[in-house]
Amino acid sequence: MNLYLIRHGESEGNLLGRIQGHANYVLTAQGRKQAEFLGSYLKDLEIDYLYSSDLLRAFATAEIASSSLDIAPVPWEKIREVNLGPLQNKTKAQIYQTYPQVLETSILTSGIEGTESINALSLRCNDVVTELRNKHMNENVALVSHGGFISVFLMYLFLGDDWSKYDRPFQINNTSVSRVEWKEHRQSPLIHYTNQTIHLENEWKSTQKGVL
């Protein structure tokens, strides 16, 4: 199975510098354009199934991108962003001022009451891996999700339940694509690349006219 992990396009929350979690922000005009470029890129990957977080910014990204494909996105709650409870809709500065203990952990793993626990995140990652491998082992699958969840998911693939003991090594930009492959003879997956945004670079260049 080839699995393409895709972050949603730029959202209003991104533009405002807000930590979003499960808060339902819509895409900006730039985010919608990014999703169009993403669709052109995915067209060449022969995607068999397209799943998306049901949050607005992700599902709109998947719908726009899917207009270049012959498949419709399927909403999947299990690939939502990390639930950040009382930290949602705040800037990082506001979070650090109100909850200074977050500086000792991270926004994703703060353990603050009302946020998604590390154990719950591990179980969610395991559910996603298990379901995908059971249903789509010999297919090309794309998931449109969120920066926090994609980072956690990638760490979980190689570190299992110990993922939270390490700092996140991944940068996941808007509409970036990360490719992971499972082969029949291997138990562990292969990471081919992370955070690829060549579709944005190429498309942006193609729209420039008369620039010296």
N, C-alpha and C. Protein backbone atom coordinates (compact mmCIF):
# COMPACT_ATOMS: atom_id res chain seq x y z
N MET A 1 0.84 -1.20 0.00
CA MET A 1 0.00 0.00 0.00
C MET A 1 0.87 1.24 0.00
N ASN A 2 0.56 2.15 -0.90
CA ASN A 2 1.15 3.48 -0.86
C ASN A 2 0.15 4.41 -0.18
N LEU A 3 0.60 5.05 0.88
CA LEU A 3 -0.25 5.96 1.64
C LEU A 3 0.30 7.37 1.52
N TYR A 4 -0.56 8.28 1.06
CA TYR A 4 -0.17 9.68 0.90
C TYR A 4 -0.88 10.50 1.98
N LEU A 5 -0.11 11.04 2.89
CA LEU A 5 -0.64 11.84 4.00
C LEU A 5 -0.56 13.31 3.61
N ILE A 6 -1.70 13.98 3.60
CA ILE A 6 -1.79 15.34 3.07
C ILE A 6 -2.38 16.27 4.12
N ARG A 7 -1.72 17.38 4.35
CA ARG A 7 -2.30 18.38 5.24
C ARG A 7 -3.24 19.28 4.45
N HIS A 8 -4.26 19.78 5.10
CA HIS A 8 -5.24 20.67 4.46
C HIS A 8 -4.57 21.96 3.98
N GLY A 9 -5.27 22.69 3.13
CA GLY A 9 -4.80 23.98 2.65
C GLY A 9 -4.88 25.04 3.75
N GLU A 10 -4.33 26.20 3.43
CA GLU A 10 -4.33 27.29 4.42
C GLU A 10 -5.75 27.62 4.87
N SER A 11 -5.94 27.71 6.17
CA SER A 11 -7.26 28.00 6.74
C SER A 11 -7.27 29.39 7.36
N GLU A 12 -8.46 29.86 7.67
CA GLU A 12 -8.58 31.14 8.37
C GLU A 12 -7.86 31.09 9.70
N GLY A 13 -7.89 29.93 10.36
CA GLY A 13 -7.18 29.78 11.62
C GLY A 13 -5.68 29.92 11.46
N ASN A 14 -5.15 29.33 10.38
CA ASN A 14 -3.71 29.49 10.08
C ASN A 14 -3.37 30.96 9.90
N LEU A 15 -4.21 31.66 9.15
CA LEU A 15 -3.96 33.07 8.83
C LEU A 15 -3.97 33.92 10.10
N LEU A 16 -4.82 33.56 11.05
CA LEU A 16 -4.92 34.31 12.30
C LEU A 16 -3.91 33.86 13.35
N GLY A 17 -3.15 32.81 13.03
CA GLY A 17 -2.17 32.30 13.99
C GLY A 17 -2.81 31.56 15.15
N ARG A 18 -3.98 30.98 14.93
CA ARG A 18 -4.71 30.28 15.98
C ARG A 18 -4.38 28.79 15.99
N ILE A 19 -4.30 28.22 17.18
CA ILE A 19 -4.20 26.78 17.31
C ILE A 19 -5.62 26.23 17.13
N GLN A 20 -5.82 25.36 16.15
CA GLN A 20 -7.18 25.03 15.73
C GLN A 20 -7.76 23.79 16.41
N GLY A 21 -7.00 22.70 16.44
CA GLY A 21 -7.57 21.47 16.98
C GLY A 21 -8.85 21.10 16.25
N HIS A 22 -9.93 20.90 17.01
CA HIS A 22 -11.21 20.54 16.41
C HIS A 22 -12.05 21.76 16.04
N ALA A 23 -11.54 22.97 16.27
CA ALA A 23 -12.27 24.17 15.85
C ALA A 23 -12.42 24.15 14.33
N ASN A 24 -13.58 24.58 13.85
CA ASN A 24 -13.92 24.37 12.44
C ASN A 24 -13.72 25.64 11.61
N TYR A 25 -12.48 25.90 11.24
CA TYR A 25 -12.16 27.03 10.38
C TYR A 25 -12.26 26.62 8.91
N VAL A 26 -12.64 27.59 8.07
CA VAL A 26 -12.75 27.34 6.63
C VAL A 26 -11.43 27.68 5.95
N LEU A 27 -11.30 27.30 4.68
CA LEU A 27 -10.12 27.63 3.90
C LEU A 27 -10.12 29.10 3.50
N THR A 28 -8.92 29.65 3.39
CA THR A 28 -8.77 30.97 2.79
C THR A 28 -8.79 30.82 1.26
N ALA A 29 -8.80 31.95 0.55
CA ALA A 29 -8.70 31.89 -0.92
C ALA A 29 -7.39 31.23 -1.33
N GLN A 30 -6.32 31.52 -0.59
CA GLN A 30 -5.04 30.88 -0.87
C GLN A 30 -5.11 29.38 -0.63
N GLY A 31 -5.80 28.98 0.43
CA GLY A 31 -5.95 27.56 0.73
C GLY A 31 -6.70 26.81 -0.36
N ARG A 32 -7.71 27.46 -0.92
CA ARG A 32 -8.46 26.83 -2.01
C ARG A 32 -7.60 26.69 -3.26
N LYS A 33 -6.78 27.68 -3.53
CA LYS A 33 -5.87 27.60 -4.67
C LYS A 33 -4.84 26.48 -4.45
N GLN A 34 -4.33 26.37 -3.23
CA GLN A 34 -3.40 25.28 -2.91
C GLN A 34 -4.05 23.92 -3.17
N ALA A 35 -5.33 23.79 -2.81
CA ALA A 35 -6.04 22.53 -3.01
C ALA A 35 -6.18 22.20 -4.49
N GLU A 36 -6.38 23.23 -5.32
CA GLU A 36 -6.45 23.01 -6.77
C GLU A 36 -5.12 22.47 -7.29
N PHE A 37 -4.02 23.08 -6.87
CA PHE A 37 -2.70 22.61 -7.28
C PHE A 37 -2.45 21.19 -6.80
N LEU A 38 -2.91 20.90 -5.59
CA LEU A 38 -2.78 19.54 -5.04
C LEU A 38 -3.49 18.53 -5.93
N GLY A 39 -4.69 18.87 -6.38
CA GLY A 39 -5.45 17.96 -7.24
C GLY A 39 -4.70 17.62 -8.51
N SER A 40 -4.07 18.62 -9.10
CA SER A 40 -3.29 18.38 -10.32
C SER A 40 -2.14 17.42 -10.05
N TYR A 41 -1.55 17.54 -8.87
CA TYR A 41 -0.43 16.66 -8.49
C TYR A 41 -0.93 15.22 -8.25
N LEU A 42 -2.04 15.08 -7.55
CA LEU A 42 -2.56 13.75 -7.21
C LEU A 42 -3.03 12.99 -8.45
N LYS A 43 -3.41 13.71 -9.48
CA LYS A 43 -3.93 13.08 -10.70
C LYS A 43 -2.95 12.07 -11.28
N ASP A 44 -1.67 12.31 -11.08
CA ASP A 44 -0.65 11.42 -11.64
C ASP A 44 -0.28 10.26 -10.73
N LEU A 45 -0.88 10.19 -9.54
CA LEU A 45 -0.50 9.17 -8.56
C LEU A 45 -1.42 7.95 -8.56
N GLU A 46 -2.45 7.99 -9.39
CA GLU A 46 -3.39 6.87 -9.52
C GLU A 46 -3.99 6.47 -8.17
N ILE A 47 -4.57 7.46 -7.50
CA ILE A 47 -5.16 7.23 -6.18
C ILE A 47 -6.42 6.38 -6.32
N ASP A 48 -6.50 5.32 -5.51
CA ASP A 48 -7.68 4.44 -5.53
C ASP A 48 -8.76 4.89 -4.53
N TYR A 49 -8.32 5.39 -3.38
CA TYR A 49 -9.26 5.82 -2.34
C TYR A 49 -8.77 7.12 -1.73
N LEU A 50 -9.72 8.01 -1.45
CA LEU A 50 -9.41 9.30 -0.85
C LEU A 50 -10.26 9.48 0.41
N TYR A 51 -9.58 9.53 1.54
CA TYR A 51 -10.25 9.76 2.82
C TYR A 51 -9.90 11.16 3.31
N SER A 52 -10.81 11.74 4.10
CA SER A 52 -10.54 13.06 4.64
C SER A 52 -11.09 13.20 6.05
N SER A 53 -10.38 13.93 6.86
CA SER A 53 -10.95 14.40 8.12
C SER A 53 -12.27 15.11 7.80
N ASP A 54 -13.22 14.99 8.73
CA ASP A 54 -14.51 15.63 8.48
C ASP A 54 -14.54 17.11 8.88
N LEU A 55 -13.44 17.63 9.41
CA LEU A 55 -13.40 19.06 9.73
C LEU A 55 -13.36 19.88 8.43
N LEU A 56 -13.98 21.05 8.45
CA LEU A 56 -14.22 21.81 7.23
C LEU A 56 -12.97 22.08 6.40
N ARG A 57 -11.89 22.50 7.04
CA ARG A 57 -10.70 22.88 6.29
C ARG A 57 -10.08 21.70 5.55
N ALA A 58 -10.20 20.51 6.14
CA ALA A 58 -9.66 19.31 5.49
C ALA A 58 -10.61 18.81 4.40
N PHE A 59 -11.89 18.72 4.72
CA PHE A 59 -12.82 18.15 3.74
C PHE A 59 -12.96 19.04 2.51
N ALA A 60 -12.91 20.36 2.72
CA ALA A 60 -12.96 21.26 1.56
C ALA A 60 -11.72 21.07 0.69
N THR A 61 -10.56 20.88 1.32
CA THR A 61 -9.34 20.60 0.56
C THR A 61 -9.51 19.34 -0.27
N ALA A 62 -10.04 18.29 0.35
CA ALA A 62 -10.23 17.01 -0.35
C ALA A 62 -11.24 17.14 -1.49
N GLU A 63 -12.32 17.88 -1.26
CA GLU A 63 -13.33 18.06 -2.31
C GLU A 63 -12.76 18.81 -3.51
N ILE A 64 -12.02 19.86 -3.24
CA ILE A 64 -11.44 20.64 -4.35
C ILE A 64 -10.43 19.79 -5.11
N ALA A 65 -9.55 19.11 -4.38
CA ALA A 65 -8.53 18.27 -5.03
C ALA A 65 -9.16 17.14 -5.82
N SER A 66 -10.25 16.58 -5.30
CA SER A 66 -10.87 15.42 -5.94
C SER A 66 -11.51 15.76 -7.28
N SER A 67 -11.70 17.05 -7.56
CA SER A 67 -12.28 17.43 -8.85
C SER A 67 -11.34 17.06 -10.00
N SER A 68 -10.07 16.81 -9.68
CA SER A 68 -9.12 16.37 -10.70
C SER A 68 -9.03 14.85 -10.78
N LEU A 69 -9.74 14.16 -9.87
CA LEU A 69 -9.69 12.70 -9.80
C LEU A 69 -11.05 12.11 -10.17
N ASP A 70 -11.12 10.81 -10.23
CA ASP A 70 -12.39 10.14 -10.53
C ASP A 70 -13.01 9.55 -9.27
N ILE A 71 -12.62 10.05 -8.11
CA ILE A 71 -13.14 9.53 -6.84
C ILE A 71 -13.59 10.68 -5.97
N ALA A 72 -14.53 10.39 -5.07
CA ALA A 72 -15.02 11.39 -4.13
C ALA A 72 -14.42 11.12 -2.76
N PRO A 73 -14.15 12.16 -1.98
CA PRO A 73 -13.57 11.94 -0.65
C PRO A 73 -14.58 11.32 0.31
N VAL A 74 -14.08 10.46 1.17
CA VAL A 74 -14.89 9.81 2.19
C VAL A 74 -14.52 10.41 3.55
N PRO A 75 -15.47 11.00 4.28
CA PRO A 75 -15.13 11.58 5.59
C PRO A 75 -14.76 10.50 6.60
N TRP A 76 -13.73 10.77 7.39
CA TRP A 76 -13.26 9.79 8.38
C TRP A 76 -12.85 10.55 9.64
N GLU A 77 -13.66 10.41 10.67
CA GLU A 77 -13.45 11.16 11.91
C GLU A 77 -12.13 10.79 12.59
N LYS A 78 -11.66 9.58 12.37
CA LYS A 78 -10.44 9.14 13.06
C LYS A 78 -9.18 9.84 12.60
N ILE A 79 -9.24 10.58 11.49
CA ILE A 79 -8.04 11.30 11.05
C ILE A 79 -8.21 12.82 11.25
N ARG A 80 -9.10 13.16 12.19
CA ARG A 80 -9.22 14.55 12.61
C ARG A 80 -7.92 15.03 13.26
N GLU A 81 -7.83 16.36 13.41
CA GLU A 81 -6.71 16.92 14.16
C GLU A 81 -6.80 16.48 15.62
N VAL A 82 -5.69 16.60 16.33
CA VAL A 82 -5.67 16.32 17.76
C VAL A 82 -6.66 17.26 18.45
N ASN A 83 -7.45 16.71 19.36
CA ASN A 83 -8.41 17.53 20.12
C ASN A 83 -7.65 18.29 21.21
N LEU A 84 -7.62 19.60 21.10
CA LEU A 84 -6.83 20.41 22.03
C LEU A 84 -7.68 21.18 23.04
N GLY A 85 -8.95 20.84 23.10
CA GLY A 85 -9.81 21.35 24.18
C GLY A 85 -9.67 22.84 24.43
N PRO A 86 -9.29 23.24 25.67
CA PRO A 86 -9.23 24.66 26.02
C PRO A 86 -8.12 25.44 25.32
N LEU A 87 -7.21 24.74 24.64
CA LEU A 87 -6.13 25.43 23.92
C LEU A 87 -6.56 25.91 22.54
N GLN A 88 -7.69 25.40 22.07
CA GLN A 88 -8.17 25.73 20.73
C GLN A 88 -8.61 27.19 20.63
N ASN A 89 -8.44 27.76 19.44
CA ASN A 89 -8.81 29.14 19.14
C ASN A 89 -7.92 30.18 19.81
N LYS A 90 -6.81 29.75 20.40
CA LYS A 90 -5.87 30.67 21.02
C LYS A 90 -4.57 30.71 20.21
N THR A 91 -3.85 31.83 20.30
CA THR A 91 -2.53 31.89 19.71
C THR A 91 -1.55 31.17 20.64
N LYS A 92 -0.37 30.86 20.14
CA LYS A 92 0.63 30.22 21.00
C LYS A 92 0.97 31.11 22.19
N ALA A 93 1.09 32.42 21.95
CA ALA A 93 1.41 33.34 23.03
C ALA A 93 0.35 33.31 24.12
N GLN A 94 -0.91 33.26 23.72
CA GLN A 94 -2.00 33.18 24.70
C GLN A 94 -1.96 31.88 25.47
N ILE A 95 -1.65 30.79 24.79
CA ILE A 95 -1.57 29.48 25.46
C ILE A 95 -0.44 29.48 26.48
N TYR A 96 0.73 29.97 26.10
CA TYR A 96 1.87 29.95 27.01
C TYR A 96 1.65 30.86 28.21
N GLN A 97 0.90 31.93 28.01
CA GLN A 97 0.61 32.83 29.12
C GLN A 97 -0.39 32.21 30.09
N THR A 98 -1.42 31.56 29.55
CA THR A 98 -2.45 30.97 30.40
C THR A 98 -2.04 29.62 30.97
N TYR A 99 -1.30 28.84 30.17
CA TYR A 99 -0.87 27.51 30.58
C TYR A 99 0.65 27.38 30.43
N PRO A 100 1.43 28.02 31.30
CA PRO A 100 2.89 28.02 31.15
C PRO A 100 3.50 26.62 31.20
N GLN A 101 2.78 25.65 31.78
CA GLN A 101 3.31 24.28 31.84
C GLN A 101 3.45 23.64 30.47
N VAL A 102 2.75 24.20 29.46
CA VAL A 102 2.85 23.68 28.11
C VAL A 102 4.28 23.82 27.58
N LEU A 103 5.01 24.83 28.07
CA LEU A 103 6.39 25.03 27.64
C LEU A 103 7.27 23.84 28.01
N GLU A 104 6.87 23.07 29.02
CA GLU A 104 7.66 21.92 29.46
C GLU A 104 7.31 20.65 28.68
N THR A 105 6.21 20.67 27.96
CA THR A 105 5.81 19.49 27.18
C THR A 105 5.66 19.91 25.72
N SER A 106 4.45 19.96 25.24
CA SER A 106 4.14 20.53 23.92
C SER A 106 2.65 20.76 23.87
N ILE A 107 2.22 21.53 22.90
CA ILE A 107 0.80 21.81 22.77
C ILE A 107 0.02 20.53 22.50
N LEU A 108 0.61 19.60 21.76
CA LEU A 108 -0.09 18.35 21.41
C LEU A 108 -0.16 17.37 22.57
N THR A 109 0.79 17.45 23.50
CA THR A 109 0.87 16.43 24.57
C THR A 109 0.88 17.07 25.95
N SER A 110 0.17 18.17 26.11
CA SER A 110 0.23 18.92 27.37
C SER A 110 -0.40 18.19 28.53
N GLY A 111 -1.39 17.33 28.27
CA GLY A 111 -2.09 16.64 29.34
C GLY A 111 -3.08 17.52 30.08
N ILE A 112 -3.31 18.73 29.59
CA ILE A 112 -4.27 19.63 30.22
C ILE A 112 -5.68 19.04 30.10
N GLU A 113 -6.45 19.18 31.15
CA GLU A 113 -7.81 18.61 31.16
C GLU A 113 -8.61 19.12 29.97
N GLY A 114 -9.25 18.21 29.28
CA GLY A 114 -10.05 18.56 28.11
C GLY A 114 -9.34 18.35 26.80
N THR A 115 -8.02 18.07 26.86
CA THR A 115 -7.28 17.78 25.62
C THR A 115 -7.20 16.27 25.42
N GLU A 116 -6.93 15.86 24.20
CA GLU A 116 -6.83 14.44 23.88
C GLU A 116 -5.58 13.85 24.51
N SER A 117 -5.72 12.73 25.17
CA SER A 117 -4.59 12.13 25.88
C SER A 117 -3.64 11.43 24.93
N ILE A 118 -2.41 11.22 25.39
CA ILE A 118 -1.42 10.49 24.60
C ILE A 118 -1.91 9.09 24.29
N ASN A 119 -2.52 8.44 25.27
CA ASN A 119 -3.03 7.08 25.07
C ASN A 119 -4.13 7.06 24.01
N ALA A 120 -5.03 8.03 24.07
CA ALA A 120 -6.11 8.09 23.08
C ALA A 120 -5.55 8.31 21.67
N LEU A 121 -4.52 9.14 21.55
CA LEU A 121 -3.90 9.37 20.25
C LEU A 121 -3.23 8.11 19.72
N SER A 122 -2.56 7.38 20.60
CA SER A 122 -1.91 6.13 20.19
C SER A 122 -2.95 5.13 19.69
N LEU A 123 -4.06 5.01 20.40
CA LEU A 123 -5.12 4.09 19.99
C LEU A 123 -5.70 4.51 18.64
N ARG A 124 -5.85 5.81 18.43
CA ARG A 124 -6.40 6.31 17.18
C ARG A 124 -5.45 5.99 16.02
N CYS A 125 -4.17 6.20 16.23
CA CYS A 125 -3.18 5.89 15.19
C CYS A 125 -3.20 4.39 14.86
N ASN A 126 -3.28 3.57 15.89
CA ASN A 126 -3.31 2.12 15.67
C ASN A 126 -4.56 1.72 14.89
N ASP A 127 -5.69 2.31 15.22
CA ASP A 127 -6.93 2.01 14.50
C ASP A 127 -6.81 2.36 13.02
N VAL A 128 -6.21 3.52 12.74
CA VAL A 128 -6.07 3.96 11.36
C VAL A 128 -5.16 3.01 10.58
N VAL A 129 -4.01 2.66 11.17
CA VAL A 129 -3.08 1.74 10.49
C VAL A 129 -3.75 0.40 10.24
N THR A 130 -4.41 -0.14 11.26
CA THR A 130 -5.03 -1.46 11.15
C THR A 130 -6.10 -1.47 10.08
N GLU A 131 -6.95 -0.46 10.07
CA GLU A 131 -8.04 -0.42 9.10
C GLU A 131 -7.52 -0.27 7.67
N LEU A 132 -6.53 0.59 7.50
CA LEU A 132 -5.97 0.79 6.17
C LEU A 132 -5.30 -0.48 5.65
N ARG A 133 -4.53 -1.14 6.48
CA ARG A 133 -3.83 -2.35 6.03
C ARG A 133 -4.81 -3.49 5.75
N ASN A 134 -5.88 -3.54 6.50
CA ASN A 134 -6.88 -4.59 6.27
C ASN A 134 -7.68 -4.36 4.99
N LYS A 135 -7.91 -3.10 4.65
CA LYS A 135 -8.79 -2.79 3.51
C LYS A 135 -8.04 -2.51 2.21
N HIS A 136 -6.83 -1.96 2.31
CA HIS A 136 -6.21 -1.37 1.12
C HIS A 136 -4.75 -1.78 0.93
N MET A 137 -4.38 -2.98 1.29
CA MET A 137 -2.97 -3.35 1.32
C MET A 137 -2.29 -3.21 -0.05
N ASN A 138 -3.00 -3.41 -1.13
CA ASN A 138 -2.39 -3.35 -2.46
C ASN A 138 -2.88 -2.17 -3.29
N GLU A 139 -3.22 -1.07 -2.60
CA GLU A 139 -3.81 0.08 -3.29
C GLU A 139 -3.08 1.37 -2.93
N ASN A 140 -3.41 2.41 -3.67
CA ASN A 140 -2.88 3.75 -3.41
C ASN A 140 -3.96 4.57 -2.70
N VAL A 141 -3.65 5.02 -1.50
CA VAL A 141 -4.64 5.68 -0.65
C VAL A 141 -4.12 7.05 -0.23
N ALA A 142 -4.99 8.05 -0.28
CA ALA A 142 -4.64 9.39 0.18
C ALA A 142 -5.52 9.76 1.37
N LEU A 143 -4.91 10.36 2.38
CA LEU A 143 -5.63 10.88 3.55
C LEU A 143 -5.40 12.37 3.64
N VAL A 144 -6.46 13.16 3.67
CA VAL A 144 -6.33 14.59 3.91
C VAL A 144 -6.62 14.84 5.39
N SER A 145 -5.60 15.28 6.08
CA SER A 145 -5.70 15.39 7.53
C SER A 145 -5.09 16.71 8.00
N HIS A 146 -4.36 16.68 9.11
CA HIS A 146 -3.91 17.90 9.78
C HIS A 146 -2.45 17.75 10.23
N GLY A 147 -1.78 18.88 10.38
CA GLY A 147 -0.37 18.87 10.70
C GLY A 147 -0.02 18.13 11.98
N GLY A 148 -0.79 18.36 13.04
CA GLY A 148 -0.51 17.69 14.30
C GLY A 148 -0.71 16.19 14.21
N PHE A 149 -1.85 15.79 13.66
CA PHE A 149 -2.13 14.36 13.58
C PHE A 149 -1.16 13.65 12.66
N ILE A 150 -0.82 14.24 11.52
CA ILE A 150 0.12 13.60 10.60
C ILE A 150 1.48 13.41 11.27
N SER A 151 1.93 14.42 12.00
CA SER A 151 3.21 14.30 12.71
C SER A 151 3.18 13.16 13.73
N VAL A 152 2.13 13.11 14.52
CA VAL A 152 1.99 12.05 15.52
C VAL A 152 1.92 10.68 14.84
N PHE A 153 1.15 10.59 13.77
CA PHE A 153 0.97 9.33 13.06
C PHE A 153 2.31 8.81 12.52
N LEU A 154 3.10 9.69 11.92
CA LEU A 154 4.40 9.27 11.38
C LEU A 154 5.32 8.79 12.50
N MET A 155 5.30 9.48 13.63
CA MET A 155 6.12 9.05 14.77
C MET A 155 5.65 7.71 15.30
N TYR A 156 4.33 7.54 15.37
CA TYR A 156 3.77 6.29 15.89
C TYR A 156 4.17 5.10 15.02
N LEU A 157 4.26 5.30 13.72
CA LEU A 157 4.60 4.19 12.82
C LEU A 157 5.94 3.56 13.18
N PHE A 158 6.87 4.36 13.69
CA PHE A 158 8.20 3.83 13.96
C PHE A 158 8.52 3.69 15.45
N LEU A 159 7.82 4.43 16.28
CA LEU A 159 8.12 4.40 17.71
C LEU A 159 7.03 3.73 18.54
N GLY A 160 5.90 3.44 17.91
CA GLY A 160 4.79 2.83 18.64
C GLY A 160 4.34 3.74 19.78
N ASP A 161 3.99 3.14 20.91
CA ASP A 161 3.47 3.89 22.04
C ASP A 161 4.50 4.81 22.69
N ASP A 162 5.76 4.69 22.30
CA ASP A 162 6.81 5.55 22.86
C ASP A 162 6.95 6.88 22.12
N TRP A 163 6.12 7.14 21.13
CA TRP A 163 6.28 8.32 20.28
C TRP A 163 6.32 9.62 21.08
N SER A 164 5.55 9.68 22.16
CA SER A 164 5.43 10.94 22.91
C SER A 164 6.69 11.27 23.72
N LYS A 165 7.62 10.34 23.80
CA LYS A 165 8.86 10.59 24.56
C LYS A 165 9.88 11.39 23.76
N TYR A 166 9.57 11.64 22.49
CA TYR A 166 10.52 12.31 21.60
C TYR A 166 9.92 13.60 21.06
N ASP A 167 10.81 14.54 20.72
CA ASP A 167 10.37 15.77 20.08
C ASP A 167 9.94 15.46 18.65
N ARG A 168 8.94 16.19 18.17
CA ARG A 168 8.48 15.99 16.79
C ARG A 168 9.56 16.41 15.80
N PRO A 169 9.96 15.50 14.90
CA PRO A 169 11.00 15.86 13.93
C PRO A 169 10.46 16.33 12.59
N PHE A 170 9.13 16.47 12.47
CA PHE A 170 8.54 16.73 11.16
C PHE A 170 7.99 18.14 11.05
N GLN A 171 8.22 18.76 9.91
CA GLN A 171 7.54 19.99 9.52
C GLN A 171 6.49 19.58 8.48
N ILE A 172 5.23 19.94 8.73
CA ILE A 172 4.15 19.55 7.83
C ILE A 172 3.42 20.82 7.38
N ASN A 173 3.68 21.25 6.15
CA ASN A 173 3.11 22.49 5.63
C ASN A 173 1.75 22.26 4.97
N ASN A 174 1.04 23.36 4.69
CA ASN A 174 -0.28 23.26 4.05
C ASN A 174 -0.19 22.57 2.70
N THR A 175 -1.04 21.60 2.49
CA THR A 175 -1.16 20.71 1.31
C THR A 175 0.12 19.94 1.01
N SER A 176 1.01 19.84 1.99
CA SER A 176 2.20 19.00 1.77
C SER A 176 1.78 17.54 1.71
N VAL A 177 2.60 16.76 1.00
CA VAL A 177 2.34 15.33 0.81
C VAL A 177 3.50 14.54 1.41
N SER A 178 3.16 13.53 2.21
CA SER A 178 4.17 12.61 2.76
C SER A 178 3.78 11.21 2.32
N ARG A 179 4.75 10.48 1.76
CA ARG A 179 4.45 9.14 1.22
C ARG A 179 5.06 8.05 2.09
N VAL A 180 4.19 7.13 2.50
CA VAL A 180 4.59 5.95 3.28
C VAL A 180 4.15 4.71 2.53
N GLU A 181 5.00 3.69 2.48
CA GLU A 181 4.68 2.47 1.75
C GLU A 181 4.81 1.24 2.64
N TRP A 182 3.80 0.37 2.55
CA TRP A 182 3.88 -0.95 3.18
C TRP A 182 4.05 -2.00 2.09
N LYS A 183 5.00 -2.91 2.28
CA LYS A 183 5.21 -4.01 1.35
C LYS A 183 4.86 -5.32 2.04
N GLU A 184 4.43 -6.29 1.24
CA GLU A 184 3.96 -7.56 1.79
C GLU A 184 5.01 -8.25 2.66
N HIS A 185 6.28 -8.16 2.28
CA HIS A 185 7.31 -8.90 2.98
C HIS A 185 7.94 -8.12 4.14
N ARG A 186 7.44 -6.90 4.38
CA ARG A 186 7.98 -6.08 5.46
C ARG A 186 6.91 -5.78 6.49
N GLN A 187 7.27 -5.88 7.78
CA GLN A 187 6.34 -5.53 8.83
C GLN A 187 6.28 -4.01 9.02
N SER A 188 7.44 -3.37 8.95
CA SER A 188 7.50 -1.93 9.14
C SER A 188 7.40 -1.21 7.79
N PRO A 189 6.86 0.00 7.79
CA PRO A 189 6.69 0.74 6.53
C PRO A 189 7.96 1.46 6.10
N LEU A 190 7.98 1.90 4.87
CA LEU A 190 9.04 2.73 4.33
C LEU A 190 8.52 4.16 4.19
N ILE A 191 9.30 5.13 4.65
CA ILE A 191 8.95 6.53 4.40
C ILE A 191 9.76 7.00 3.20
N HIS A 192 9.08 7.31 2.12
CA HIS A 192 9.76 7.77 0.91
C HIS A 192 10.10 9.26 0.99
N TYR A 193 9.15 10.06 1.52
CA TYR A 193 9.42 11.49 1.69
C TYR A 193 8.35 12.07 2.61
N THR A 194 8.66 13.23 3.17
CA THR A 194 7.69 13.96 3.99
C THR A 194 7.65 15.42 3.55
N ASN A 195 6.50 16.05 3.76
CA ASN A 195 6.36 17.50 3.58
C ASN A 195 6.72 17.96 2.17
N GLN A 196 6.39 17.19 1.17
CA GLN A 196 6.69 17.58 -0.21
C GLN A 196 5.65 18.57 -0.72
N THR A 197 6.11 19.69 -1.23
CA THR A 197 5.20 20.73 -1.75
C THR A 197 5.60 21.17 -3.15
N ILE A 198 6.17 20.25 -3.91
CA ILE A 198 6.63 20.60 -5.25
C ILE A 198 5.48 21.07 -6.14
N HIS A 199 4.26 20.59 -5.87
CA HIS A 199 3.11 21.01 -6.66
C HIS A 199 2.83 22.50 -6.49
N LEU A 200 3.08 23.03 -5.31
CA LEU A 200 2.90 24.47 -5.09
C LEU A 200 3.99 25.27 -5.78
N GLU A 201 5.22 24.79 -5.71
CA GLU A 201 6.34 25.49 -6.33
C GLU A 201 6.20 25.54 -7.85
N ASN A 202 5.89 24.38 -8.44
CA ASN A 202 5.77 24.32 -9.90
C ASN A 202 4.59 25.14 -10.41
N GLU A 203 3.45 25.03 -9.73
CA GLU A 203 2.26 25.75 -10.18
C GLU A 203 2.42 27.24 -9.99
N TRP A 204 3.07 27.64 -8.87
CA TRP A 204 3.29 29.06 -8.65
C TRP A 204 4.16 29.64 -9.76
N LYS A 205 5.22 28.92 -10.12
CA LYS A 205 6.12 29.39 -11.17
C LYS A 205 5.38 29.52 -12.50
N SER A 206 4.45 28.57 -12.75
CA SER A 206 3.76 28.57 -14.05
C SER A 206 2.80 29.74 -14.19
N THR A 207 2.42 30.36 -13.05
CA THR A 207 1.48 31.49 -13.12
C THR A 207 2.19 32.82 -13.22
N GLN A 208 3.52 32.83 -13.08
CA GLN A 208 4.26 34.08 -13.12
C GLN A 208 4.54 34.49 -14.58
N LYS A 209 4.24 35.72 -14.92
CA LYS A 209 4.45 36.20 -16.28
C LYS A 209 5.24 37.51 -16.24
N GLY A 210 6.26 37.56 -17.07
CA GLY A 210 7.01 38.80 -17.19
C GLY A 210 7.78 39.20 -15.95
N VAL A 211 8.15 38.25 -15.12
CA VAL A 211 8.89 38.56 -13.91
C VAL A 211 10.37 38.44 -14.20
N LEU A 212 11.16 39.49 -13.88
CA LEU A 212 12.60 39.48 -14.15
C LEU A 212 13.37 39.15 -12.87
